[in-house]
């Protein structure tokens, strides 16, 4: 495999990996978010935005990984090493996307529960009023002009 052929194989493999994983996020993200929101359209939009961000970041990573030169290895070994690095980076990006979906899910669910008045530990009890401070006392020998608080 020549250098340019290895580059094309790496780009093709990277695009396939990113598209498949991104579509999984896009397809199953709304179901994950719908358990916390009452609006399925909102869940679909949020999951789509996370999937788009995932695709953009990972296509950039694919371009960088395909362009970085590895040691003078045979082209097949170089492609396998690059695919391995790409898979590790894809797993990290997938974990970050799941984290983002989880934040959206938990934040939205907590907000809806708080709106309904059912969020345990999320509502603050009103503080009791603070007692008024007594006025400073005038000491013996103070004249009205010297008295504190005037």
Protein backbone atom coordinates (compact mmCIF):
# COMPACT_ATOMS: atom_id res chain seq x y z
CA UNK A 1 0.00 0.00 0.00
CA UNK A 2 1.53 3.29 -1.08
CA UNK A 3 1.53 6.38 1.15
CA UNK A 4 -1.42 8.05 -0.58
CA UNK A 5 -3.40 4.80 -0.64
CA UNK A 6 -2.85 4.39 3.12
CA UNK A 7 -4.01 7.98 3.60
CA UNK A 8 -7.22 7.35 1.61
CA UNK A 9 -7.90 4.09 3.47
CA UNK A 10 -7.43 5.90 6.77
CA UNK A 11 -9.80 8.70 5.75
CA UNK A 12 -12.43 6.23 4.55
CA UNK A 13 -12.19 4.12 7.72
CA UNK A 14 -12.35 7.24 9.86
CA UNK A 15 -15.41 8.59 8.09
CA UNK A 16 -17.21 5.26 8.44
CA UNK A 17 -16.39 5.02 12.16
CA UNK A 18 -17.51 8.59 12.86
CA UNK A 19 -20.71 8.37 10.81
CA UNK A 20 -21.78 5.09 12.40
CA UNK A 21 -21.11 6.28 15.95
CA UNK A 22 -22.64 9.70 15.33
CA UNK A 23 -25.79 8.15 13.90
CA UNK A 24 -26.07 5.91 16.96
CA UNK A 25 -25.94 9.03 19.14
CA UNK A 26 -28.50 10.76 16.96
CA UNK A 27 -30.84 7.79 16.87
CA UNK A 28 -30.77 6.73 20.53
CA UNK A 29 -30.12 10.12 22.16
CA UNK A 30 -33.75 11.31 21.96
CA UNK A 31 -35.03 8.19 23.72
CA UNK A 32 -32.50 8.82 26.49
CA UNK A 33 -33.59 12.44 26.83
CA UNK A 34 -37.34 11.78 26.52
CA UNK A 35 -37.36 10.04 29.88
CA UNK A 36 -36.64 13.43 31.49
CA UNK A 37 -38.61 15.78 29.27
CA UNK A 38 -42.23 15.88 28.26
CA UNK A 39 -41.45 17.25 24.81
CA UNK A 40 -40.14 14.63 22.34
CA UNK A 41 -39.32 17.31 19.75
CA UNK A 42 -37.08 19.11 22.22
CA UNK A 43 -35.32 15.83 23.07
CA UNK A 44 -34.79 15.13 19.36
CA UNK A 45 -33.39 18.63 18.76
CA UNK A 46 -31.00 18.42 21.72
CA UNK A 47 -29.75 14.98 20.70
CA UNK A 48 -29.29 16.19 17.12
CA UNK A 49 -27.20 19.14 18.30
CA UNK A 50 -24.99 16.85 20.38
CA UNK A 51 -24.62 14.47 17.40
CA UNK A 52 -23.70 17.35 15.06
CA UNK A 53 -21.06 18.56 17.49
CA UNK A 54 -19.73 15.01 17.76
CA UNK A 55 -19.53 14.70 13.95
CA UNK A 56 -17.73 18.03 13.53
CA UNK A 57 -15.17 17.35 16.22
CA UNK A 58 -14.51 13.80 15.10
CA UNK A 59 -14.16 14.67 11.40
CA UNK A 60 -11.47 17.12 12.46
CA UNK A 61 -9.81 14.40 14.51
CA UNK A 62 -9.96 12.03 11.52
CA UNK A 63 -8.24 14.62 9.34
CA UNK A 64 -5.53 15.18 11.92
CA UNK A 65 -4.92 11.50 12.65
CA UNK A 66 -4.77 10.71 8.93
CA UNK A 67 -2.24 13.50 8.38
CA UNK A 68 0.10 12.71 11.26
CA UNK A 69 3.03 10.62 10.20
CA UNK A 70 3.95 7.60 12.27
CA UNK A 71 7.40 6.06 12.40
CA UNK A 72 8.77 4.40 9.30
CA UNK A 73 6.45 1.43 9.49
CA UNK A 74 4.96 -0.54 6.65
CA UNK A 75 1.83 1.22 5.38
CA UNK A 76 -0.49 -1.48 6.72
CA UNK A 77 0.97 -1.16 10.21
CA UNK A 78 0.66 2.61 9.98
CA UNK A 79 -3.02 2.39 8.99
CA UNK A 80 -3.76 -0.07 11.80
CA UNK A 81 -2.02 2.19 14.33
CA UNK A 82 -3.94 5.23 13.09
CA UNK A 83 -7.26 3.37 13.21
CA UNK A 84 -6.45 2.30 16.75
CA UNK A 85 -5.72 5.87 17.80
CA UNK A 86 -8.90 7.00 16.06
CA UNK A 87 -10.98 4.36 17.85
CA UNK A 88 -9.61 5.48 21.21
CA UNK A 89 -10.35 9.12 20.43
CA UNK A 90 -13.81 8.19 19.16
CA UNK A 91 -14.51 6.36 22.41
CA UNK A 92 -13.44 9.43 24.38
CA UNK A 93 -15.62 11.71 22.23
CA UNK A 94 -18.54 9.29 22.56
CA UNK A 95 -18.14 9.35 26.34
CA UNK A 96 -18.16 13.16 26.29
CA UNK A 97 -21.30 13.15 24.13
CA UNK A 98 -23.01 10.78 26.57
CA UNK A 99 -21.92 13.05 29.41
CA UNK A 100 -23.46 16.02 27.58
CA UNK A 101 -26.69 14.10 27.01
CA UNK A 102 -26.73 13.11 30.68
CA UNK A 103 -26.28 16.73 31.74
CA UNK A 104 -29.13 17.76 29.46
CA UNK A 105 -31.27 14.94 30.81
CA UNK A 106 -30.56 15.58 34.48
CA UNK A 107 -30.72 19.33 34.19
CA UNK A 108 -33.99 19.26 32.29
CA UNK A 109 -35.52 16.68 34.61
CA UNK A 110 -34.54 18.60 37.72
CA UNK A 111 -35.92 21.83 36.24
CA UNK A 112 -39.25 20.19 35.42
CA UNK A 113 -39.50 18.64 38.87
CA UNK A 114 -38.69 21.98 40.47
CA UNK A 115 -41.40 23.62 38.36
CA UNK A 116 -43.83 21.00 39.62
CA UNK A 117 -42.64 21.56 43.20
CA UNK A 118 -41.45 17.97 43.54
CA UNK A 119 -37.67 18.29 43.42
CA UNK A 120 -36.29 16.78 46.61
CA UNK A 121 -33.52 18.88 48.04
CA UNK A 122 -33.79 21.40 45.23
CA UNK A 123 -36.10 23.85 46.91
CA UNK A 124 -34.87 26.20 49.58
CA UNK A 125 -36.81 26.71 52.74
CA UNK A 126 -37.35 30.35 53.63
CA UNK A 127 -35.05 31.60 56.31
CA UNK A 128 -36.61 32.85 59.51
CA UNK A 129 -36.46 36.63 59.81
CA UNK A 130 -33.40 37.95 61.57
CA UNK A 131 -34.04 39.72 64.85
CA UNK A 132 -33.51 43.46 64.69
CA UNK A 133 -30.33 44.71 66.29
CA UNK A 134 -30.87 46.80 69.35
CA UNK A 135 -29.76 50.41 69.14
CA UNK A 136 -26.43 51.10 70.83
CA UNK A 137 -26.77 52.34 74.38
CA UNK A 138 -25.57 55.72 75.43
CA UNK A 139 -22.87 55.53 78.02
CA UNK A 140 -22.80 57.61 81.15
CA UNK A 141 -21.37 61.00 80.44
CA UNK A 142 -22.30 61.03 76.74
CA UNK A 143 -24.12 64.11 75.62
CA UNK A 144 -26.82 63.75 72.99
CA UNK A 145 -24.33 64.90 70.31
CA UNK A 146 -21.79 62.24 71.41
CA UNK A 147 -24.31 59.39 71.62
CA UNK A 148 -23.71 56.59 69.15
CA UNK A 149 -26.06 56.31 66.24
CA UNK A 150 -26.59 60.05 65.83
